[in-house]
Amino acid sequence: MIIKPRIRGFICTTAHPKGCAAHVDEQIAAVKARGTIANGPKRVLVIGASGGYGLASRIVNAFGAGAATLGVSFEKAPEADRTATAGWYNNRAFETRAHAAGLYAKTLDGDAFSDQMKTQVIERIKSDLGEIDLLVYSLASPVRQHPRTGVLYRSAIKPIGETYHVKTLNVDRGVVQEVDLEPATPDEIAATVAVMGGEDWEFWIDALQAAGVLAAGFKTMSYTYIGTDLTWPIYWHATLGKAKEDLDRAARAITKRLAVLKGEARVAVLKFVVSQASSAIPVVPLYGSLLYRVMKDAGVHETTIEQIDRLFRTQVYSGKPQRLDEEQRVRMDDVELTDAIQGDVKRRWPIVSTENLATLGDLDGFRADFLKIFGFGFDGVDYDEDLDPALAEL
């Protein structure tokens, strides 16, 4: 089949196998160009390893620190007339390249929220790695079935307290418009915390620690985004923010549990990047488009892989004091939040419109990054080639 992007709402329903492999190659090259992370981990578990920050974390630690990596993700395999999800191709491409470099790499497919997957991972660690030095928890899912109660929770991206009237961007149509966002109910807030908060992160640490597979000095990371007052009503001060606050709670609780190992848990606050999730959150795409233009014009824009490489290279494994805030989070949004960058974004915000978006923002860059997630838009890939979606080799 000839594979082209099919956009439906905020998702792309197709993925290009060779394009996804090109995306993995691009990220590996970016890490290798920066040299070795001298004091990095050697055995790494990544929960949510198939895309975005999880995949970037796996690539950085494998090709930067030479680590053996075990990944967990939940992806759909290809069918005769249907492509796999991008993450399925990403996993295949990563493993092929890691093995070629002499690195251990194994990916387990299934529900990371389940106790069964935790048991499967522990068995794999015991048989293949013995113990792990680092766990990256980068799970992105809109639903979670609680492993203890069986309750199915669905997250809701909504403001809290009152209706929020705001300017936003329809990425597909390229239209700046105003919308009214209805507030979340108490049940929706609780469900969002259940899906996106820190409980499952704690469950993973509890299971791994009880099994005795955490090394001395073990570290664990989870990721968050805070943003600015332009996005707070739908992000930090909304249902998402409540979930992210629960990550902070979990990090403190996990650090106490890890004291016996002299380990630590940290939440890293990252800069804005385009992801499938960020594209679906009202307000955020417009903010991101303006931010992209401002940071690119200033020469300080970072891609996902550049951000994660800087995190592990300069903060987690640098041997130097980390850049922490009052909640003990590692701050990687330091450049995004400078007065110069935010001042320029806020100057553009009240005047941006459909007509001047191409000048004030970077919609083309936003769209290009979105398509890259699914393997589209890479030089050297023949997008008119007739391909078997279940390519044997990537």
Protein backbone atom coordinates (compact mmCIF):
# COMPACT_ATOMS: atom_id res chain seq x y z
CA MET A 1 0.00 0.00 0.00
CA ILE A 2 1.02 3.63 -0.53
CA ILE A 3 0.95 5.21 2.90
CA LYS A 4 -0.12 8.82 3.26
CA PRO A 5 -1.11 10.75 6.40
CA ARG A 6 -4.79 10.55 7.25
CA ILE A 7 -5.71 13.20 9.77
CA ARG A 8 -8.89 12.84 11.80
CA GLY A 9 -9.39 15.53 14.40
CA PHE A 10 -6.31 15.54 16.59
CA ILE A 11 -4.87 12.21 15.50
CA CYS A 12 -3.21 10.70 12.45
CA THR A 13 -4.68 7.27 11.75
CA THR A 14 -1.74 6.08 9.63
CA ALA A 15 1.98 5.77 10.27
CA HIS A 16 4.81 5.33 7.80
CA PRO A 17 7.21 2.49 8.73
CA LYS A 18 10.26 3.88 6.94
CA GLY A 19 9.45 7.39 8.10
CA CYS A 20 9.26 6.24 11.72
CA ALA A 21 12.62 4.54 11.28
CA ALA A 22 14.01 7.79 9.86
CA HIS A 23 12.70 9.61 12.95
CA VAL A 24 14.50 7.14 15.21
CA ASP A 25 17.67 7.54 13.15
CA GLU A 26 17.47 11.32 13.41
CA GLN A 27 17.22 11.15 17.21
CA ILE A 28 20.04 8.63 17.54
CA ALA A 29 22.28 10.85 15.42
CA ALA A 30 21.48 13.87 17.60
CA VAL A 31 22.52 12.00 20.74
CA LYS A 32 25.68 10.48 19.27
CA ALA A 33 26.78 13.91 18.04
CA ARG A 34 26.90 15.08 21.66
CA GLY A 35 29.25 12.32 22.80
CA THR A 36 29.13 9.95 25.74
CA ILE A 37 27.27 10.52 29.01
CA ALA A 38 30.16 9.37 31.18
CA ASN A 39 28.31 8.60 34.40
CA GLY A 40 25.02 7.46 32.92
CA PRO A 41 22.97 4.40 33.92
CA LYS A 42 23.66 0.93 32.54
CA ARG A 43 20.27 -0.79 32.98
CA VAL A 44 17.17 1.25 32.23
CA LEU A 45 13.42 0.56 32.27
CA VAL A 46 11.20 2.96 30.33
CA ILE A 47 7.44 2.83 30.91
CA GLY A 48 5.84 4.40 27.84
CA ALA A 49 8.83 3.78 25.59
CA SER A 50 7.35 3.97 22.10
CA GLY A 51 7.19 7.69 21.38
CA GLY A 52 7.70 11.24 22.57
CA TYR A 53 9.70 11.76 25.74
CA GLY A 54 9.73 8.05 26.59
CA LEU A 55 11.34 7.05 23.30
CA ALA A 56 13.74 9.98 23.56
CA SER A 57 14.73 8.87 27.07
CA ARG A 58 15.40 5.37 25.79
CA ILE A 59 17.50 6.65 22.89
CA VAL A 60 19.53 9.05 25.07
CA ASN A 61 20.38 6.41 27.65
CA ALA A 62 21.11 3.70 25.09
CA PHE A 63 23.16 5.68 22.59
CA GLY A 64 24.47 8.29 25.01
CA ALA A 65 25.26 6.12 28.03
CA GLY A 66 25.47 2.67 26.42
CA ALA A 67 22.64 1.39 28.61
CA ALA A 68 20.71 -1.83 28.24
CA THR A 69 17.07 -0.77 27.92
CA LEU A 70 13.80 -2.56 28.62
CA GLY A 71 10.71 -0.77 27.32
CA VAL A 72 6.99 -1.12 27.96
CA SER A 73 4.34 0.19 25.58
CA PHE A 74 0.88 -0.62 24.26
CA GLU A 75 0.79 -0.48 20.46
CA LYS A 76 -1.20 -1.93 17.59
CA ALA A 77 0.54 -4.23 15.13
CA PRO A 78 -0.01 -3.79 11.37
CA GLU A 79 -2.62 -5.70 9.38
CA ALA A 80 -2.67 -6.54 5.68
CA ASP A 81 -4.52 -3.35 4.81
CA ARG A 82 -3.71 -1.19 7.80
CA THR A 83 -0.54 0.32 9.20
CA ALA A 84 0.65 -0.24 12.72
CA THR A 85 0.72 2.62 15.18
CA ALA A 86 3.78 4.82 14.97
CA GLY A 87 5.01 3.46 18.29
CA TRP A 88 5.04 -0.11 16.95
CA TYR A 89 7.37 0.95 14.14
CA ASN A 90 9.45 3.08 16.53
CA ASN A 91 10.01 0.10 18.81
CA ARG A 92 11.05 -2.14 15.92
CA ALA A 93 13.43 0.47 14.52
CA PHE A 94 14.97 1.21 17.91
CA GLU A 95 15.58 -2.44 18.72
CA THR A 96 17.16 -3.09 15.31
CA ARG A 97 19.59 -0.20 15.76
CA ALA A 98 20.35 -0.99 19.40
CA HIS A 99 21.14 -4.60 18.56
CA ALA A 100 23.37 -3.50 15.68
CA ALA A 101 25.28 -1.35 18.18
CA GLY A 102 25.70 -4.30 20.54
CA LEU A 103 23.15 -3.00 23.05
CA TYR A 104 20.53 -5.02 24.90
CA ALA A 105 17.04 -3.83 23.93
CA LYS A 106 13.73 -5.55 24.58
CA THR A 107 10.20 -4.16 24.39
CA LEU A 108 7.20 -5.68 26.13
CA ASP A 109 3.77 -4.87 24.72
CA GLY A 110 0.74 -4.58 26.95
CA ASP A 111 -1.14 -2.57 29.56
CA ALA A 112 1.45 -0.90 31.78
CA PHE A 113 -1.23 -0.16 34.40
CA SER A 114 -1.84 -3.88 34.99
CA ASP A 115 -0.26 -6.01 37.69
CA GLN A 116 0.35 -8.68 35.04
CA MET A 117 2.69 -6.38 33.11
CA LYS A 118 4.56 -5.47 36.28
CA THR A 119 5.10 -9.16 36.97
CA GLN A 120 6.25 -9.77 33.39
CA VAL A 121 8.74 -6.90 33.58
CA ILE A 122 10.15 -8.10 36.90
CA GLU A 123 10.68 -11.59 35.48
CA ARG A 124 12.47 -10.11 32.47
CA ILE A 125 14.70 -7.92 34.64
CA LYS A 126 15.65 -10.90 36.80
CA SER A 127 16.45 -13.11 33.84
CA ASP A 128 18.21 -10.56 31.60
CA LEU A 129 19.47 -7.61 33.66
CA GLY A 130 19.52 -8.61 37.31
CA GLU A 131 18.56 -5.12 38.49
CA ILE A 132 17.96 -1.64 37.08
CA ASP A 133 19.60 1.73 37.77
CA LEU A 134 16.92 3.98 36.28
CA LEU A 135 13.18 3.92 35.69
CA VAL A 136 11.66 6.54 33.38
CA TYR A 137 7.90 6.78 33.84
CA SER A 138 6.53 8.48 30.73
CA LEU A 139 3.15 6.86 30.27
CA ALA A 140 0.61 8.77 28.18
CA SER A 141 -2.86 7.26 28.12
CA PRO A 142 -6.37 8.77 28.24
CA VAL A 143 -7.78 5.77 30.15
CA ARG A 144 -6.71 3.51 32.99
CA GLN A 145 -8.29 0.39 34.38
CA HIS A 146 -7.36 0.29 38.04
CA PRO A 147 -5.54 -2.99 38.74
CA ARG A 148 -6.95 -3.36 42.25
CA THR A 149 -10.58 -2.26 41.78
CA GLY A 150 -11.20 -2.91 38.10
CA VAL A 151 -12.71 0.58 37.72
CA LEU A 152 -12.11 2.13 34.27
CA TYR A 153 -11.16 5.82 34.54
CA ARG A 154 -11.21 8.28 31.64
CA SER A 155 -9.34 11.56 31.85
CA ALA A 156 -11.01 14.86 31.00
CA ILE A 157 -9.02 17.90 29.86
CA LYS A 158 -11.12 20.70 31.33
CA PRO A 159 -10.80 23.86 33.43
CA ILE A 160 -11.86 23.85 37.06
CA GLY A 161 -14.41 26.10 38.73
CA GLU A 162 -15.94 28.10 35.89
CA THR A 163 -16.37 28.27 32.15
CA TYR A 164 -13.18 29.43 30.43
CA HIS A 165 -13.48 31.70 27.39
CA VAL A 166 -10.24 31.71 25.45
CA LYS A 167 -8.50 32.04 22.11
CA THR A 168 -7.26 28.81 20.53
CA LEU A 169 -6.01 27.37 17.25
CA ASN A 170 -7.58 24.76 15.01
CA VAL A 171 -4.35 23.21 13.74
CA ASP A 172 -5.97 21.27 10.90
CA ARG A 173 -7.74 24.33 9.43
CA GLY A 174 -5.17 26.92 10.52
CA VAL A 175 -7.89 29.05 12.09
CA VAL A 176 -7.55 31.14 15.25
CA GLN A 177 -10.87 31.15 17.07
CA GLU A 178 -12.44 31.68 20.48
CA VAL A 179 -14.09 28.91 22.45
CA ASP A 180 -15.91 28.38 25.72
CA LEU A 181 -14.63 25.44 27.77
CA GLU A 182 -17.00 24.02 30.37
CA PRO A 183 -15.57 23.21 33.82
CA ALA A 184 -14.93 19.68 35.02
CA THR A 185 -17.12 17.91 37.53
CA PRO A 186 -15.58 16.54 40.74
CA ASP A 187 -15.77 13.03 39.27
CA GLU A 188 -13.91 14.15 36.13
CA ILE A 189 -11.18 15.74 38.25
CA ALA A 190 -10.77 12.56 40.28
CA ALA A 191 -10.74 10.39 37.15
CA THR A 192 -8.05 12.54 35.53
CA VAL A 193 -5.86 12.23 38.63
CA ALA A 194 -6.44 8.47 38.63
CA VAL A 195 -5.26 8.20 35.01
CA MET A 196 -2.48 10.78 34.85
CA GLY A 197 -1.40 11.15 38.47
CA GLY A 198 1.32 9.37 40.40
CA GLU A 199 -0.39 6.30 41.82
CA ASP A 200 0.70 3.91 39.07
CA TRP A 201 4.26 5.27 39.26
CA GLU A 202 4.19 4.33 42.95
CA PHE A 203 2.76 0.90 42.14
CA TRP A 204 5.68 0.27 39.76
CA ILE A 205 8.28 1.27 42.35
CA ASP A 206 6.60 -0.79 45.07
CA ALA A 207 6.54 -3.89 42.86
CA LEU A 208 10.14 -3.49 41.67
CA GLN A 209 11.47 -2.76 45.15
CA ALA A 210 9.61 -5.70 46.67
CA ALA A 211 11.13 -7.94 43.99
CA GLY A 212 14.63 -6.74 44.87
CA VAL A 213 15.52 -5.52 41.37
CA LEU A 214 16.43 -1.91 42.17
CA ALA A 215 20.15 -1.17 42.33
CA ALA A 216 21.81 0.95 44.99
CA GLY A 217 21.57 4.62 44.01
CA PHE A 218 18.53 3.87 41.84
CA LYS A 219 16.88 6.89 40.21
CA THR A 220 13.42 7.35 38.74
CA MET A 221 12.06 10.20 36.63
CA SER A 222 8.61 11.30 35.52
CA TYR A 223 7.78 14.25 33.30
CA THR A 224 5.45 17.21 33.53
CA TYR A 225 4.70 20.53 31.91
CA ILE A 226 3.70 23.72 33.73
CA GLY A 227 3.74 26.47 31.12
CA THR A 228 2.68 30.05 31.82
CA ASP A 229 -0.40 32.01 32.77
CA LEU A 230 -1.51 31.90 29.12
CA THR A 231 -2.11 28.15 29.40
CA TRP A 232 -2.70 27.71 33.13
CA PRO A 233 -6.54 27.86 33.01
CA ILE A 234 -6.63 24.72 30.82
CA TYR A 235 -3.40 23.16 32.06
CA TRP A 236 -1.80 23.84 35.43
CA HIS A 237 -4.92 25.23 37.14
CA ALA A 238 -7.17 22.64 35.50
CA THR A 239 -7.72 18.87 35.66
CA LEU A 240 -4.31 18.22 34.11
CA GLY A 241 -2.66 20.33 36.76
CA LYS A 242 -4.33 18.34 39.53
CA ALA A 243 -2.92 15.16 38.02
CA LYS A 244 0.53 16.72 37.71
CA GLU A 245 0.39 17.89 41.33
CA ASP A 246 -0.21 14.26 42.25
CA LEU A 247 3.02 13.38 40.44
CA ASP A 248 4.82 15.76 42.83
CA ARG A 249 3.19 14.00 45.78
CA ALA A 250 4.23 10.63 44.39
CA ALA A 251 7.82 11.77 43.85
CA ARG A 252 8.12 12.76 47.51
CA ALA A 253 6.60 9.47 48.67
CA ILE A 254 8.80 7.38 46.38
CA THR A 255 11.96 9.20 47.49
CA LYS A 256 11.18 8.22 51.08
CA ARG A 257 10.73 4.59 50.03
CA LEU A 258 14.06 4.67 48.19
CA ALA A 259 16.03 6.05 51.14
CA VAL A 260 17.29 2.56 51.99
CA LEU A 261 18.88 2.42 48.51
CA LYS A 262 20.09 6.02 48.64
CA GLY A 263 17.86 6.54 45.60
CA GLU A 264 15.62 9.37 44.50
CA ALA A 265 12.54 10.21 42.47
CA ARG A 266 12.29 13.42 40.50
CA VAL A 267 9.70 15.10 38.35
CA ALA A 268 11.27 17.00 35.46
CA VAL A 269 9.44 20.05 34.14
CA LEU A 270 9.98 20.11 30.39
CA LYS A 271 9.50 22.78 27.72
CA PHE A 272 6.60 22.76 25.29
CA VAL A 273 6.94 20.40 22.35
CA VAL A 274 4.40 19.14 19.85
CA SER A 275 2.89 15.80 20.77
CA GLN A 276 -0.32 14.02 19.92
CA ALA A 277 -1.60 14.96 23.37
CA SER A 278 -0.60 18.64 23.24
CA SER A 279 -2.28 19.03 19.85
CA ALA A 280 -5.60 18.02 21.40
CA ILE A 281 -5.57 20.44 24.35
CA PRO A 282 -7.41 23.72 23.65
CA VAL A 283 -5.27 26.89 23.83
CA VAL A 284 -1.99 24.94 23.87
CA PRO A 285 -1.48 24.67 20.06
CA LEU A 286 -1.81 28.46 19.66
CA TYR A 287 0.61 29.10 22.51
CA GLY A 288 2.96 26.48 21.07
CA SER A 289 2.86 27.98 17.59
CA LEU A 290 3.78 31.42 18.94
CA LEU A 291 6.46 29.95 21.21
CA TYR A 292 8.01 28.00 18.35
CA ARG A 293 8.38 31.17 16.28
CA VAL A 294 9.85 33.18 19.15
CA MET A 295 12.32 30.50 20.27
CA LYS A 296 13.40 29.65 16.72
CA ASP A 297 13.95 33.33 15.90
CA ALA A 298 16.03 33.64 19.09
CA GLY A 299 18.03 30.50 18.20
CA VAL A 300 17.06 28.65 21.41
CA HIS A 301 14.43 26.16 20.22
CA GLU A 302 14.88 22.56 21.40
CA THR A 303 13.40 19.41 19.91
CA THR A 304 12.17 16.56 22.09
CA ILE A 305 15.43 14.63 21.80
CA GLU A 306 17.54 17.74 22.47
CA GLN A 307 15.52 18.49 25.60
CA ILE A 308 15.86 14.98 27.01
CA ASP A 309 19.54 14.77 26.11
CA ARG A 310 20.17 18.01 28.01
CA LEU A 311 18.16 16.69 30.98
CA PHE A 312 20.23 13.54 31.44
CA ARG A 313 23.54 15.06 30.36
CA THR A 314 23.45 18.26 32.42
CA GLN A 315 21.13 17.44 35.31
CA VAL A 316 20.49 13.80 36.16
CA TYR A 317 23.98 12.37 35.54
CA SER A 318 26.24 15.41 35.48
CA GLY A 319 27.52 14.92 39.02
CA LYS A 320 26.65 18.58 39.70
CA PRO A 321 23.79 20.13 41.70
CA GLN A 322 20.51 19.94 39.82
CA ARG A 323 18.43 22.97 38.87
CA LEU A 324 15.51 22.42 41.29
CA ASP A 325 12.49 24.52 42.20
CA GLU A 326 10.75 24.77 45.57
CA GLU A 327 8.91 21.48 44.92
CA GLN A 328 12.26 19.77 44.14
CA ARG A 329 11.37 19.37 40.47
CA VAL A 330 14.16 19.52 37.88
CA ARG A 331 13.45 22.59 35.74
CA MET A 332 14.12 22.10 32.04
CA ASP A 333 11.73 24.85 30.95
CA ASP A 334 14.28 27.45 31.99
CA VAL A 335 14.78 28.85 28.49
CA GLU A 336 11.07 28.88 27.60
CA LEU A 337 10.27 30.88 30.75
CA THR A 338 12.88 33.60 30.38
CA ASP A 339 11.49 37.15 30.45
CA ALA A 340 12.66 37.76 26.88
CA ILE A 341 10.90 34.71 25.43
CA GLN A 342 7.70 35.06 27.42
CA GLY A 343 7.54 38.80 26.88
CA ASP A 344 7.60 38.29 23.11
CA VAL A 345 4.98 35.51 23.24
CA LYS A 346 2.67 37.62 25.40
CA ARG A 347 3.09 40.60 23.09
CA ARG A 348 1.85 38.48 20.19
CA TRP A 349 -0.98 36.72 22.04
CA PRO A 350 -3.67 39.48 22.02
CA ILE A 351 -3.06 40.41 18.39
CA VAL A 352 -2.63 37.00 16.75
CA SER A 353 -5.36 36.09 14.28
CA THR A 354 -5.93 33.72 11.40
CA GLU A 355 -4.69 36.39 9.02
CA ASN A 356 -1.34 37.11 10.74
CA LEU A 357 -0.63 33.66 12.25
CA ALA A 358 1.93 32.86 9.54
CA THR A 359 3.93 35.93 10.60
CA LEU A 360 3.49 35.83 14.38
CA GLY A 361 3.51 32.05 14.82
CA ASP A 362 5.01 28.93 13.33
CA LEU A 363 2.01 26.86 12.26
CA ASP A 364 4.05 25.17 9.52
CA GLY A 365 6.65 24.07 12.06
CA PHE A 366 3.92 22.87 14.44
CA ARG A 367 2.28 20.84 11.68
CA ALA A 368 5.60 19.44 10.49
CA ASP A 369 6.49 18.25 14.00
CA PHE A 370 3.04 16.69 14.37
CA LEU A 371 3.44 14.72 11.14
CA LYS A 372 6.95 13.62 12.13
CA ILE A 373 5.43 11.79 15.10
CA PHE A 374 3.81 9.46 12.57
CA GLY A 375 6.81 9.17 10.24
CA PHE A 376 5.87 11.75 7.62
CA GLY A 377 7.97 14.60 6.23
CA PHE A 378 11.47 13.11 6.31
CA ASP A 379 13.94 13.74 3.51
CA GLY A 380 15.14 10.57 1.84
CA VAL A 381 11.90 8.64 2.42
CA ASP A 382 9.91 7.77 -0.71
CA TYR A 383 6.33 8.43 0.32
CA ASP A 384 5.05 7.15 -3.03
CA GLU A 385 6.61 3.72 -2.51
CA ASP A 386 4.23 0.78 -2.39
CA LEU A 387 4.98 -0.83 0.99
CA ASP A 388 3.96 -3.81 3.03
CA PRO A 389 2.84 -2.22 6.35
CA ALA A 390 4.33 -5.23 8.17
CA LEU A 391 7.88 -4.62 6.98
CA ALA A 392 10.14 -7.38 8.24
CA GLU A 393 13.08 -5.03 8.73
CA LEU A 394 13.22 -1.38 9.71
